[in-house]
Every structure is written in C-alpha cells, then in structure tokens.
Amino acid sequence: TWTFEGRTAHAFKLANGRFVGAGAIEDAVRALVPGLREVVLSSPDGRRLVLAATAHDAAAHAALDAAIRDPARLAPALGALGERPLQVVAVPADGWARTPKGEVDRRHPTGRPSGA
C-alpha cells in the first residue's frame, strides 16, 4: 500500500535541492492522458517520484494501468525528471482527502490507493 504524505504547495524540492514545479507536471500528465482528473506528484524520500492519479473514463483507466506497468510512458510529461525512479499508483475517486470546496487536499493522507 501507499500513503500520500502530503504537500501544501504546487512545488517541492528534492534531496539534491532541485526545485520541482509539480503543478505544471501534473497538468502535463493530464494533457498526456485525457480523462485523468486528480493527479498528484510527490517525492516521499526526496529521490524517487510518486505520481498518484484517478481515472474517470475507460480510456484513462487503461492508460493509467499501462503507466503503472511501464512508468516511462509518462516521461514526456516529466521532462528532465524522466530519469528519476517513478512509481505510478491509481487512487479510487473516493480515496482522496478533499477540502470543503471538493478539491484534493494535499495536506492530508489519501489512504490506500489501489494498484500500489
């Protein structure tokens, strides 16, 4: 299982000090795989990347399953970060902690996504 440890901003730093504009990468992943709504990139240990996403249609579900098996499929969205180890997990729609406005609350754990 995997637990999202939280991220309060749209950016974070890796252990080597490299700044990651996660919000822009998340948008690029959504553009690469239409049908993904919730997409969160994080780095629990500062070295490897974890991309959690929820598919909202059959095509996106198939693409997300393919990315779980072969994370390199998402390399175009990661740009220079594509060389880092990437784990892709599928999160059920009801698996995300949400703000009162209904947005993904990046400060709270999501629980146990499927496919981890």
PDB file of N, CA and C in Angstrom:
ATOM      1  N   THR A   1       0.845  -1.190   0.000  1.00  0.00           N
ATOM      2  CA  THR A   1       0.000   0.000   0.000  1.00  0.00           C
ATOM      3  C   THR A   1       0.879   1.238   0.000  1.00  0.00           C
ATOM      4  N   TRP A   2       0.276   2.338  -0.359  1.00  0.00           N
ATOM      5  CA  TRP A   2       0.989   3.609  -0.431  1.00  0.00           C
ATOM      6  C   TRP A   2       0.133   4.653   0.251  1.00  0.00           C
ATOM      7  N   THR A   3       0.747   5.512   1.043  1.00  0.00           N
ATOM      8  CA  THR A   3       0.023   6.596   1.706  1.00  0.00           C
ATOM      9  C   THR A   3       0.622   7.912   1.275  1.00  0.00           C
ATOM     10  N   PHE A   4      -0.213   8.792   0.768  1.00  0.00           N
ATOM     11  CA  PHE A   4       0.240  10.113   0.359  1.00  0.00           C
ATOM     12  C   PHE A   4       0.579  10.907   1.606  1.00  0.00           C
ATOM     13  N   GLU A   5       1.794  11.411   1.693  1.00  0.00           N
ATOM     14  CA  GLU A   5       2.262  12.095   2.893  1.00  0.00           C
ATOM     15  C   GLU A   5       1.949  13.568   2.906  1.00  0.00           C
ATOM     16  N   GLY A   6       1.427  14.074   1.808  1.00  0.00           N
ATOM     17  CA  GLY A   6       1.006  15.457   1.799  1.00  0.00           C
ATOM     18  C   GLY A   6       1.997  16.410   1.170  1.00  0.00           C
ATOM     19  N   ARG A   7       1.440  17.482   0.662  1.00  0.00           N
ATOM     20  CA  ARG A   7       2.222  18.549   0.049  1.00  0.00           C
ATOM     21  C   ARG A   7       1.317  19.763   0.047  1.00  0.00           C
ATOM     22  N   THR A   8       1.761  20.840   0.636  1.00  0.00           N
ATOM     23  CA  THR A   8       0.883  22.004   0.754  1.00  0.00           C
ATOM     24  C   THR A   8       1.011  22.975  -0.400  1.00  0.00           C
ATOM     25  N   ALA A   9       2.064  22.869  -1.187  1.00  0.00           N
ATOM     26  CA  ALA A   9       2.286  23.813  -2.277  1.00  0.00           C
ATOM     27  C   ALA A   9       2.257  23.081  -3.615  1.00  0.00           C
ATOM     28  N   HIS A  10       2.293  23.837  -4.699  1.00  0.00           N
ATOM     29  CA  HIS A  10       2.337  23.252  -6.029  1.00  0.00           C
ATOM     30  C   HIS A  10       3.766  22.967  -6.464  1.00  0.00           C
ATOM     31  N   ALA A  11       4.701  23.044  -5.528  1.00  0.00           N
ATOM     32  CA  ALA A  11       6.098  22.787  -5.830  1.00  0.00           C
ATOM     33  C   ALA A  11       6.776  22.205  -4.593  1.00  0.00           C
ATOM     34  N   PHE A  12       7.886  21.498  -4.814  1.00  0.00           N
ATOM     35  CA  PHE A  12       8.661  20.956  -3.708  1.00  0.00           C
ATOM     36  C   PHE A  12      10.112  20.816  -4.157  1.00  0.00           C
ATOM     37  N   LYS A  13      10.996  20.545  -3.205  1.00  0.00           N
ATOM     38  CA  LYS A  13      12.412  20.344  -3.515  1.00  0.00           C
ATOM     39  C   LYS A  13      12.777  18.883  -3.301  1.00  0.00           C
ATOM     40  N   LEU A  14      13.675  18.403  -4.146  1.00  0.00           N
ATOM     41  CA  LEU A  14      14.224  17.070  -3.992  1.00  0.00           C
ATOM     42  C   LEU A  14      15.401  17.122  -3.030  1.00  0.00           C
ATOM     43  N   ALA A  15      15.909  15.956  -2.634  1.00  0.00           N
ATOM     44  CA  ALA A  15      17.016  15.888  -1.681  1.00  0.00           C
ATOM     45  C   ALA A  15      18.258  16.612  -2.186  1.00  0.00           C
ATOM     46  N   ASN A  16      18.437  16.669  -3.515  1.00  0.00           N
ATOM     47  CA  ASN A  16      19.613  17.345  -4.069  1.00  0.00           C
ATOM     48  C   ASN A  16      19.404  18.854  -4.223  1.00  0.00           C
ATOM     49  N   GLY A  17      18.275  19.367  -3.742  1.00  0.00           N
ATOM     50  CA  GLY A  17      17.980  20.794  -3.797  1.00  0.00           C
ATOM     51  C   GLY A  17      17.252  21.230  -5.061  1.00  0.00           C
ATOM     52  N   ARG A  18      17.029  20.307  -5.975  1.00  0.00           N
ATOM     53  CA  ARG A  18      16.339  20.649  -7.226  1.00  0.00           C
ATOM     54  C   ARG A  18      14.873  20.972  -6.955  1.00  0.00           C
ATOM     55  N   PHE A  19      14.442  22.097  -7.492  1.00  0.00           N
ATOM     56  CA  PHE A  19      13.067  22.567  -7.348  1.00  0.00           C
ATOM     57  C   PHE A  19      12.181  21.861  -8.381  1.00  0.00           C
ATOM     58  N   VAL A  20      11.048  21.330  -7.957  1.00  0.00           N
ATOM     59  CA  VAL A  20      10.122  20.630  -8.850  1.00  0.00           C
ATOM     60  C   VAL A  20       8.806  21.399  -8.879  1.00  0.00           C
ATOM     61  N   GLY A  21       8.442  21.904 -10.021  1.00  0.00           N
ATOM     62  CA  GLY A  21       7.156  22.568 -10.220  1.00  0.00           C
ATOM     63  C   GLY A  21       6.086  21.513 -10.467  1.00  0.00           C
ATOM     64  N   ALA A  22       5.638  20.874  -9.396  1.00  0.00           N
ATOM     65  CA  ALA A  22       4.737  19.728  -9.514  1.00  0.00           C
ATOM     66  C   ALA A  22       3.426  20.078 -10.198  1.00  0.00           C
ATOM     67  N   GLY A  23       2.891  21.249  -9.949  1.00  0.00           N
ATOM     68  CA  GLY A  23       1.618  21.632 -10.567  1.00  0.00           C
ATOM     69  C   GLY A  23       1.691  21.608 -12.084  1.00  0.00           C
ATOM     70  N   ALA A  24       2.779  22.095 -12.642  1.00  0.00           N
ATOM     71  CA  ALA A  24       2.946  22.101 -14.102  1.00  0.00           C
ATOM     72  C   ALA A  24       3.090  20.682 -14.641  1.00  0.00           C
ATOM     73  N   ILE A  25       3.801  19.829 -13.918  1.00  0.00           N
ATOM     74  CA  ILE A  25       3.952  18.438 -14.346  1.00  0.00           C
ATOM     75  C   ILE A  25       2.610  17.716 -14.271  1.00  0.00           C
ATOM     76  N   GLU A  26       1.856  17.964 -13.209  1.00  0.00           N
ATOM     77  CA  GLU A  26       0.531  17.351 -13.084  1.00  0.00           C
ATOM     78  C   GLU A  26      -0.363  17.761 -14.257  1.00  0.00           C
ATOM     79  N   ASP A  27      -0.302  19.023 -14.652  1.00  0.00           N
ATOM     80  CA  ASP A  27      -1.070  19.489 -15.804  1.00  0.00           C
ATOM     81  C   ASP A  27      -0.609  18.799 -17.087  1.00  0.00           C
ATOM     82  N   ALA A  28       0.704  18.593 -17.234  1.00  0.00           N
ATOM     83  CA  ALA A  28       1.240  17.920 -18.422  1.00  0.00           C
ATOM     84  C   ALA A  28       0.796  16.461 -18.463  1.00  0.00           C
ATOM     85  N   VAL A  29       0.718  15.808 -17.310  1.00  0.00           N
ATOM     86  CA  VAL A  29       0.229  14.430 -17.262  1.00  0.00           C
ATOM     87  C   VAL A  29      -1.238  14.379 -17.677  1.00  0.00           C
ATOM     88  N   ARG A  30      -2.032  15.337 -17.188  1.00  0.00           N
ATOM     89  CA  ARG A  30      -3.455  15.392 -17.585  1.00  0.00           C
ATOM     90  C   ARG A  30      -3.606  15.603 -19.090  1.00  0.00           C
ATOM     91  N   ALA A  31      -2.731  16.400 -19.679  1.00  0.00           N
ATOM     92  CA  ALA A  31      -2.781  16.628 -21.125  1.00  0.00           C
ATOM     93  C   ALA A  31      -2.358  15.374 -21.885  1.00  0.00           C
ATOM     94  N   LEU A  32      -1.398  14.635 -21.350  1.00  0.00           N
ATOM     95  CA  LEU A  32      -0.915  13.416 -21.986  1.00  0.00           C
ATOM     96  C   LEU A  32      -1.942  12.291 -21.888  1.00  0.00           C
ATOM     97  N   VAL A  33      -2.663  12.242 -20.774  1.00  0.00           N
ATOM     98  CA  VAL A  33      -3.665  11.200 -20.541  1.00  0.00           C
ATOM     99  C   VAL A  33      -5.003  11.873 -20.247  1.00  0.00           C
ATOM    100  N   PRO A  34      -5.746  12.260 -21.287  1.00  0.00           N
ATOM    101  CA  PRO A  34      -7.063  12.859 -21.055  1.00  0.00           C
ATOM    102  C   PRO A  34      -7.952  11.897 -20.274  1.00  0.00           C
ATOM    103  N   GLY A  35      -8.761  12.438 -19.404  1.00  0.00           N
ATOM    104  CA  GLY A  35      -9.633  11.608 -18.584  1.00  0.00           C
ATOM    105  C   GLY A  35      -9.117  11.415 -17.170  1.00  0.00           C
ATOM    106  N   LEU A  36      -7.898  11.913 -16.903  1.00  0.00           N
ATOM    107  CA  LEU A  36      -7.407  11.928 -15.528  1.00  0.00           C
ATOM    108  C   LEU A  36      -7.832  13.249 -14.920  1.00  0.00           C
ATOM    109  N   ARG A  37      -8.382  13.219 -13.753  1.00  0.00           N
ATOM    110  CA  ARG A  37      -8.751  14.470 -13.076  1.00  0.00           C
ATOM    111  C   ARG A  37      -7.771  14.758 -11.961  1.00  0.00           C
ATOM    112  N   GLU A  38      -7.799  13.947 -10.936  1.00  0.00           N
ATOM    113  CA  GLU A  38      -6.903  14.148  -9.808  1.00  0.00           C
ATOM    114  C   GLU A  38      -5.551  13.551 -10.148  1.00  0.00           C
ATOM    115  N   VAL A  39      -4.527  14.366 -10.104  1.00  0.00           N
ATOM    116  CA  VAL A  39      -3.153  13.933 -10.350  1.00  0.00           C
ATOM    117  C   VAL A  39      -2.278  14.653  -9.329  1.00  0.00           C
ATOM    118  N   VAL A  40      -1.488  13.885  -8.569  1.00  0.00           N
ATOM    119  CA  VAL A  40      -0.620  14.477  -7.561  1.00  0.00           C
ATOM    120  C   VAL A  40       0.769  13.863  -7.685  1.00  0.00           C
ATOM    121  N   LEU A  41       1.771  14.702  -7.872  1.00  0.00           N
ATOM    122  CA  LEU A  41       3.165  14.274  -7.913  1.00  0.00           C
ATOM    123  C   LEU A  41       3.802  14.627  -6.577  1.00  0.00           C
ATOM    124  N   SER A  42       4.525  13.675  -6.002  1.00  0.00           N
ATOM    125  CA  SER A  42       5.228  13.941  -4.747  1.00  0.00           C
ATOM    126  C   SER A  42       6.546  13.172  -4.748  1.00  0.00           C
ATOM    127  N   SER A  43       7.341  13.402  -3.730  1.00  0.00           N
ATOM    128  CA  SER A  43       8.595  12.689  -3.551  1.00  0.00           C
ATOM    129  C   SER A  43       8.758  12.418  -2.064  1.00  0.00           C
ATOM    130  N   PRO A  44       8.265  11.271  -1.605  1.00  0.00           N
ATOM    131  CA  PRO A  44       8.299  10.976  -0.166  1.00  0.00           C
ATOM    132  C   PRO A  44       9.700  10.964   0.443  1.00  0.00           C
ATOM    133  N   ASP A  45      10.708  10.565  -0.356  1.00  0.00           N
ATOM    134  CA  ASP A  45      12.068  10.468   0.191  1.00  0.00           C
ATOM    135  C   ASP A  45      13.034  11.482  -0.416  1.00  0.00           C
ATOM    136  N   GLY A  46      12.542  12.350  -1.308  1.00  0.00           N
ATOM    137  CA  GLY A  46      13.395  13.352  -1.927  1.00  0.00           C
ATOM    138  C   GLY A  46      14.218  12.840  -3.097  1.00  0.00           C
ATOM    139  N   ARG A  47      14.094  11.536  -3.412  1.00  0.00           N
ATOM    140  CA  ARG A  47      14.842  10.961  -4.531  1.00  0.00           C
ATOM    141  C   ARG A  47      13.908  10.423  -5.610  1.00  0.00           C
ATOM    142  N   ARG A  48      13.017   9.551  -5.239  1.00  0.00           N
ATOM    143  CA  ARG A  48      12.105   8.979  -6.223  1.00  0.00           C
ATOM    144  C   ARG A  48      10.816   9.793  -6.269  1.00  0.00           C
ATOM    145  N   LEU A  49      10.130   9.688  -7.380  1.00  0.00           N
ATOM    146  CA  LEU A  49       8.871  10.406  -7.565  1.00  0.00           C
ATOM    147  C   LEU A  49       7.705   9.423  -7.490  1.00  0.00           C
ATOM    148  N   VAL A  50       6.607   9.889  -6.952  1.00  0.00           N
ATOM    149  CA  VAL A  50       5.379   9.108  -6.913  1.00  0.00           C
ATOM    150  C   VAL A  50       4.295   9.948  -7.561  1.00  0.00           C
ATOM    151  N   LEU A  51       3.628   9.378  -8.547  1.00  0.00           N
ATOM    152  CA  LEU A  51       2.529  10.057  -9.210  1.00  0.00           C
ATOM    153  C   LEU A  51       1.256   9.269  -8.912  1.00  0.00           C
ATOM    154  N   ALA A  52       0.325   9.897  -8.231  1.00  0.00           N
ATOM    155  CA  ALA A  52      -0.957   9.283  -7.910  1.00  0.00           C
ATOM    156  C   ALA A  52      -2.019   9.947  -8.774  1.00  0.00           C
ATOM    157  N   ALA A  53      -2.928   9.128  -9.315  1.00  0.00           N
ATOM    158  CA  ALA A  53      -3.939   9.683 -10.218  1.00  0.00           C
ATOM    159  C   ALA A  53      -5.223   8.871 -10.144  1.00  0.00           C
ATOM    160  N   THR A  54      -6.308   9.525 -10.533  1.00  0.00           N
ATOM    161  CA  THR A  54      -7.608   8.886 -10.630  1.00  0.00           C
ATOM    162  C   THR A  54      -8.111   9.009 -12.056  1.00  0.00           C
ATOM    163  N   ALA A  55      -8.474   7.868 -12.638  1.00  0.00           N
ATOM    164  CA  ALA A  55      -9.021   7.843 -13.993  1.00  0.00           C
ATOM    165  C   ALA A  55     -10.536   7.937 -13.917  1.00  0.00           C
ATOM    166  N   HIS A  56     -11.109   8.755 -14.799  1.00  0.00           N
ATOM    167  CA  HIS A  56     -12.555   8.952 -14.768  1.00  0.00           C
ATOM    168  C   HIS A  56     -13.262   8.441 -16.011  1.00  0.00           C
ATOM    169  N   ASP A  57     -12.544   7.744 -16.898  1.00  0.00           N
ATOM    170  CA  ASP A  57     -13.205   7.081 -18.016  1.00  0.00           C
ATOM    171  C   ASP A  57     -12.376   5.862 -18.399  1.00  0.00           C
ATOM    172  N   ALA A  58     -12.931   5.017 -19.255  1.00  0.00           N
ATOM    173  CA  ALA A  58     -12.285   3.748 -19.587  1.00  0.00           C
ATOM    174  C   ALA A  58     -10.927   3.944 -20.262  1.00  0.00           C
ATOM    175  N   ALA A  59     -10.824   4.907 -21.166  1.00  0.00           N
ATOM    176  CA  ALA A  59      -9.554   5.134 -21.865  1.00  0.00           C
ATOM    177  C   ALA A  59      -8.473   5.589 -20.888  1.00  0.00           C
ATOM    178  N   ALA A  60      -8.820   6.490 -19.982  1.00  0.00           N
ATOM    179  CA  ALA A  60      -7.850   6.967 -18.993  1.00  0.00           C
ATOM    180  C   ALA A  60      -7.468   5.839 -18.040  1.00  0.00           C
ATOM    181  N   HIS A  61      -8.438   4.992 -17.690  1.00  0.00           N
ATOM    182  CA  HIS A  61      -8.143   3.857 -16.816  1.00  0.00           C
ATOM    183  C   HIS A  61      -7.136   2.923 -17.481  1.00  0.00           C
ATOM    184  N   ALA A  62      -7.323   2.636 -18.769  1.00  0.00           N
ATOM    185  CA  ALA A  62      -6.388   1.780 -19.499  1.00  0.00           C
ATOM    186  C   ALA A  62      -5.002   2.426 -19.577  1.00  0.00           C
ATOM    187  N   ALA A  63      -4.954   3.739 -19.834  1.00  0.00           N
ATOM    188  CA  ALA A  63      -3.672   4.444 -19.909  1.00  0.00           C
ATOM    189  C   ALA A  63      -2.979   4.470 -18.550  1.00  0.00           C
ATOM    190  N   LEU A  64      -3.744   4.638 -17.470  1.00  0.00           N
ATOM    191  CA  LEU A  64      -3.174   4.650 -16.130  1.00  0.00           C
ATOM    192  C   LEU A  64      -2.634   3.266 -15.778  1.00  0.00           C
ATOM    193  N   ASP A  65      -3.366   2.216 -16.117  1.00  0.00           N
ATOM    194  CA  ASP A  65      -2.881   0.850 -15.891  1.00  0.00           C
ATOM    195  C   ASP A  65      -1.574   0.612 -16.649  1.00  0.00           C
ATOM    196  N   ALA A  66      -1.510   1.095 -17.888  1.00  0.00           N
ATOM    197  CA  ALA A  66      -0.289   0.938 -18.694  1.00  0.00           C
ATOM    198  C   ALA A  66       0.875   1.692 -18.053  1.00  0.00           C
ATOM    199  N   ALA A  67       0.610   2.875 -17.501  1.00  0.00           N
ATOM    200  CA  ALA A  67       1.658   3.674 -16.851  1.00  0.00           C
ATOM    201  C   ALA A  67       2.124   3.025 -15.553  1.00  0.00           C
ATOM    202  N   ILE A  68       1.223   2.326 -14.866  1.00  0.00           N
ATOM    203  CA  ILE A  68       1.617   1.608 -13.651  1.00  0.00           C
ATOM    204  C   ILE A  68       2.602   0.497 -14.029  1.00  0.00           C
ATOM    205  N   ARG A  69       2.318  -0.203 -15.133  1.00  0.00           N
ATOM    206  CA  ARG A  69       3.205  -1.274 -15.587  1.00  0.00           C
ATOM    207  C   ARG A  69       4.505  -0.739 -16.187  1.00  0.00           C
ATOM    208  N   ASP A  70       4.436   0.408 -16.848  1.00  0.00           N
ATOM    209  CA  ASP A  70       5.605   0.991 -17.513  1.00  0.00           C
ATOM    210  C   ASP A  70       5.595   2.511 -17.315  1.00  0.00           C
ATOM    211  N   PRO A  71       6.119   2.992 -16.167  1.00  0.00           N
ATOM    212  CA  PRO A  71       6.088   4.429 -15.866  1.00  0.00           C
ATOM    213  C   PRO A  71       6.773   5.300 -16.912  1.00  0.00           C
ATOM    214  N   ALA A  72       7.664   4.740 -17.723  1.00  0.00           N
ATOM    215  CA  ALA A  72       8.358   5.525 -18.754  1.00  0.00           C
ATOM    216  C   ALA A  72       7.374   6.128 -19.757  1.00  0.00           C
ATOM    217  N   ARG A  73       6.157   5.604 -19.830  1.00  0.00           N
ATOM    218  CA  ARG A  73       5.138   6.161 -20.727  1.00  0.00           C
ATOM    219  C   ARG A  73       4.823   7.615 -20.383  1.00  0.00           C
ATOM    220  N   LEU A  74       5.081   8.000 -19.139  1.00  0.00           N
ATOM    221  CA  LEU A  74       4.787   9.367 -18.704  1.00  0.00           C
ATOM    222  C   LEU A  74       5.990  10.289 -18.832  1.00  0.00           C
ATOM    223  N   ALA A  75       7.101   9.782 -19.331  1.00  0.00           N
ATOM    224  CA  ALA A  75       8.326  10.578 -19.455  1.00  0.00           C
ATOM    225  C   ALA A  75       8.121  11.895 -20.196  1.00  0.00           C
ATOM    226  N   PRO A  76       7.300  11.954 -21.275  1.00  0.00           N
ATOM    227  CA  PRO A  76       7.120  13.246 -21.950  1.00  0.00           C
ATOM    228  C   PRO A  76       6.569  14.342 -21.023  1.00  0.00           C
ATOM    229  N   ALA A  77       5.777  13.954 -20.046  1.00  0.00           N
ATOM    230  CA  ALA A  77       5.214  14.938 -19.116  1.00  0.00           C
ATOM    231  C   ALA A  77       6.210  15.322 -18.029  1.00  0.00           C
ATOM    232  N   LEU A  78       7.190  14.467 -17.767  1.00  0.00           N
ATOM    233  CA  LEU A  78       8.149  14.717 -16.687  1.00  0.00           C
ATOM    234  C   LEU A  78       9.339  15.554 -17.113  1.00  0.00           C
ATOM    235  N   GLY A  79       9.578  15.642 -18.408  1.00  0.00           N
ATOM    236  CA  GLY A  79      10.715  16.413 -18.889  1.00  0.00           C
ATOM    237  C   GLY A  79      12.022  15.888 -18.330  1.00  0.00           C
ATOM    238  N   ALA A  80      12.852  16.770 -17.788  1.00  0.00           N
ATOM    239  CA  ALA A  80      14.170  16.396 -17.272  1.00  0.00           C
ATOM    240  C   ALA A  80      14.086  15.461 -16.070  1.00  0.00           C
ATOM    241  N   LEU A  81      12.933  15.388 -15.410  1.00  0.00           N
ATOM    242  CA  LEU A  81      12.787  14.482 -14.273  1.00  0.00           C
ATOM    243  C   LEU A  81      12.528  13.046 -14.717  1.00  0.00           C
ATOM    244  N   GLY A  82      12.410  12.821 -16.024  1.00  0.00           N
ATOM    245  CA  GLY A  82      12.108  11.498 -16.548  1.00  0.00           C
ATOM    246  C   GLY A  82      13.145  10.449 -16.211  1.00  0.00           C
ATOM    247  N   GLU A  83      14.353  10.860 -15.826  1.00  0.00           N
ATOM    248  CA  GLU A  83      15.392   9.891 -15.484  1.00  0.00           C
ATOM    249  C   GLU A  83      15.262   9.401 -14.039  1.00  0.00           C
ATOM    250  N   ARG A  84      14.435  10.039 -13.246  1.00  0.00           N
ATOM    251  CA  ARG A  84      14.262   9.632 -11.842  1.00  0.00           C
ATOM    252  C   ARG A  84      13.337   8.428 -11.738  1.00  0.00           C
ATOM    253  N   PRO A  85      13.547   7.582 -10.714  1.00  0.00           N
ATOM    254  CA  PRO A  85      12.605   6.478 -10.489  1.00  0.00           C
ATOM    255  C   PRO A  85      11.202   7.039 -10.260  1.00  0.00           C
ATOM    256  N   LEU A  86      10.224   6.447 -10.931  1.00  0.00           N
ATOM    257  CA  LEU A  86       8.840   6.905 -10.827  1.00  0.00           C
ATOM    258  C   LEU A  86       7.946   5.735 -10.493  1.00  0.00           C
ATOM    259  N   GLN A  87       7.127   5.920  -9.476  1.00  0.00           N
ATOM    260  CA  GLN A  87       6.090   4.951  -9.140  1.00  0.00           C
ATOM    261  C   GLN A  87       4.755   5.595  -9.485  1.00  0.00           C
ATOM    262  N   VAL A  88       3.905   4.870 -10.192  1.00  0.00           N
ATOM    263  CA  VAL A  88       2.578   5.374 -10.551  1.00  0.00           C
ATOM    264  C   VAL A  88       1.552   4.532  -9.813  1.00  0.00           C
ATOM    265  N   VAL A  89       0.618   5.198  -9.142  1.00  0.00           N
ATOM    266  CA  VAL A  89      -0.439   4.485  -8.416  1.00  0.00           C
ATOM    267  C   VAL A  89      -1.796   5.032  -8.827  1.00  0.00           C
ATOM    268  N   ALA A  90      -2.764   4.133  -8.841  1.00  0.00           N
ATOM    269  CA  ALA A  90      -4.146   4.526  -9.123  1.00  0.00           C
ATOM    270  C   ALA A  90      -4.872   4.726  -7.804  1.00  0.00           C
ATOM    271  N   VAL A  91      -5.552   5.837  -7.678  1.00  0.00           N
ATOM    272  CA  VAL A  91      -6.311   6.152  -6.467  1.00  0.00           C
ATOM    273  C   VAL A  91      -7.793   6.131  -6.824  1.00  0.00           C
ATOM    274  N   PRO A  92      -8.608   5.379  -6.104  1.00  0.00           N
ATOM    275  CA  PRO A  92     -10.045   5.426  -6.382  1.00  0.00           C
ATOM    276  C   PRO A  92     -10.588   6.835  -6.135  1.00  0.00           C
ATOM    277  N   ALA A  93     -11.635   7.196  -6.845  1.00  0.00           N
ATOM    278  CA  ALA A  93     -12.188   8.552  -6.738  1.00  0.00           C
ATOM    279  C   ALA A  93     -12.507   8.932  -5.296  1.00  0.00           C
ATOM    280  N   ASP A  94     -12.947   7.974  -4.495  1.00  0.00           N
ATOM    281  CA  ASP A  94     -13.279   8.279  -3.100  1.00  0.00           C
ATOM    282  C   ASP A  94     -12.084   8.107  -2.165  1.00  0.00           C
ATOM    283  N   GLY A  95     -10.883   7.872  -2.728  1.00  0.00           N
ATOM    284  CA  GLY A  95      -9.696   7.663  -1.912  1.00  0.00           C
ATOM    285  C   GLY A  95      -8.947   8.919  -1.542  1.00  0.00           C
ATOM    286  N   TRP A  96      -9.346  10.057  -2.095  1.00  0.00           N
ATOM    287  CA  TRP A  96      -8.651  11.315  -1.823  1.00  0.00           C
ATOM    288  C   TRP A  96      -9.283  12.055  -0.647  1.00  0.00           C
ATOM    289  N   ALA A  97      -8.448  12.633   0.214  1.00  0.00           N
ATOM    290  CA  ALA A  97      -8.944  13.591   1.202  1.00  0.00           C
ATOM    291  C   ALA A  97      -9.288  14.856   0.425  1.00  0.00           C
ATOM    292  N   ARG A  98     -10.377  15.495   0.745  1.00  0.00           N
ATOM    293  CA  ARG A  98     -10.828  16.666  -0.013  1.00  0.00           C
ATOM    294  C   ARG A  98     -11.052  17.861   0.904  1.00  0.00           C
ATOM    295  N   THR A  99     -10.873  19.046   0.303  1.00  0.00           N
ATOM    296  CA  THR A  99     -11.171  20.293   1.020  1.00  0.00           C
ATOM    297  C   THR A  99     -12.685  20.487   1.008  1.00  0.00           C
ATOM    298  N   PRO A 100     -13.191  21.433   1.787  1.00  0.00           N
ATOM    299  CA  PRO A 100     -14.627  21.705   1.739  1.00  0.00           C
ATOM    300  C   PRO A 100     -15.116  22.114   0.342  1.00  0.00           C
ATOM    301  N   LYS A 101     -14.211  22.646  -0.497  1.00  0.00           N
ATOM    302  CA  LYS A 101     -14.589  23.013  -1.870  1.00  0.00           C
ATOM    303  C   LYS A 101     -14.593  21.811  -2.799  1.00  0.00           C
ATOM    304  N   GLY A 102     -14.145  20.638  -2.317  1.00  0.00           N
ATOM    305  CA  GLY A 102     -14.133  19.439  -3.133  1.00  0.00           C
ATOM    306  C   GLY A 102     -12.829  19.171  -3.864  1.00  0.00           C
ATOM    307  N   GLU A 103     -11.818  20.014  -3.656  1.00  0.00           N
ATOM    308  CA  GLU A 103     -10.525  19.815  -4.294  1.00  0.00           C
ATOM    309  C   GLU A 103      -9.701  18.821  -3.481  1.00  0.00           C
ATOM    310  N   VAL A 104      -8.716  18.188  -4.121  1.00  0.00           N
ATOM    311  CA  VAL A 104      -7.827  17.288  -3.402  1.00  0.00           C
ATOM    312  C   VAL A 104      -7.072  18.087  -2.349  1.00  0.00           C
ATOM    313  N   ASP A 105      -7.135  17.615  -1.115  1.00  0.00           N
ATOM    314  CA  ASP A 105      -6.428  18.276  -0.011  1.00  0.00           C
ATOM    315  C   ASP A 105      -5.040  17.668   0.085  1.00  0.00           C
ATOM    316  N   ARG A 106      -4.047  18.382  -0.394  1.00  0.00           N
ATOM    317  CA  ARG A 106      -2.682  17.873  -0.477  1.00  0.00           C
ATOM    318  C   ARG A 106      -2.003  17.772   0.888  1.00  0.00           C
ATOM    319  N   ARG A 107      -2.635  18.272   1.938  1.00  0.00           N
ATOM    320  CA  ARG A 107      -2.018  18.237   3.262  1.00  0.00           C
ATOM    321  C   ARG A 107      -2.397  17.011   4.067  1.00  0.00           C
ATOM    322  N   HIS A 108      -3.333  16.214   3.581  1.00  0.00           N
ATOM    323  CA  HIS A 108      -3.825  15.075   4.359  1.00  0.00           C
ATOM    324  C   HIS A 108      -3.670  13.778   3.574  1.00  0.00           C
ATOM    325  N   PRO A 109      -3.459  12.687   4.281  1.00  0.00           N
ATOM    326  CA  PRO A 109      -3.282  11.394   3.624  1.00  0.00           C
ATOM    327  C   PRO A 109      -4.526  10.969   2.842  1.00  0.00           C
ATOM    328  N   THR A 110      -4.282  10.207   1.782  1.00  0.00           N
ATOM    329  CA  THR A 110      -5.387   9.703   0.970  1.00  0.00           C
ATOM    330  C   THR A 110      -5.839   8.335   1.413  1.00  0.00           C
ATOM    331  N   GLY A 111      -5.028   7.617   2.150  1.00  0.00           N
ATOM    332  CA  GLY A 111      -5.377   6.251   2.485  1.00  0.00           C
ATOM    333  C   GLY A 111      -4.618   5.281   1.610  1.00  0.00           C
ATOM    334  N   ARG A 112      -5.266   4.227   1.173  1.00  0.00           N
ATOM    335  CA  ARG A 112      -4.598   3.183   0.402  1.00  0.00           C
ATOM    336  C   ARG A 112      -5.137   3.111  -1.003  1.00  0.00           C
ATOM    337  N   PRO A 113      -4.442   3.682  -1.965  1.00  0.00           N
ATOM    338  CA  PRO A 113      -4.892   3.590  -3.327  1.00  0.00           C
ATOM    339  C   PRO A 113      -4.758   2.172  -3.875  1.00  0.00           C
ATOM    340  N   SER A 114      -5.614   1.804  -4.809  1.00  0.00           N
ATOM    341  CA  SER A 114      -5.499   0.513  -5.468  1.00  0.00           C
ATOM    342  C   SER A 114      -4.343   0.553  -6.443  1.00  0.00           C
ATOM    343  N   GLY A 115      -3.818  -0.591  -6.782  1.00  0.00           N
ATOM    344  CA  GLY A 115      -2.766  -0.661  -7.784  1.00  0.00           C
ATOM    345  C   GLY A 115      -1.378  -0.350  -7.254  1.00  0.00           C
ATOM    346  N   ALA A 116      -1.246  -0.154  -5.948  1.00  0.00           N
ATOM    347  CA  ALA A 116       0.074   0.181  -5.409  1.00  0.00           C
ATOM    348  C   ALA A 116       0.907  -1.063  -5.212  1.00  0.00           C
TER     349      ALA A 116
END
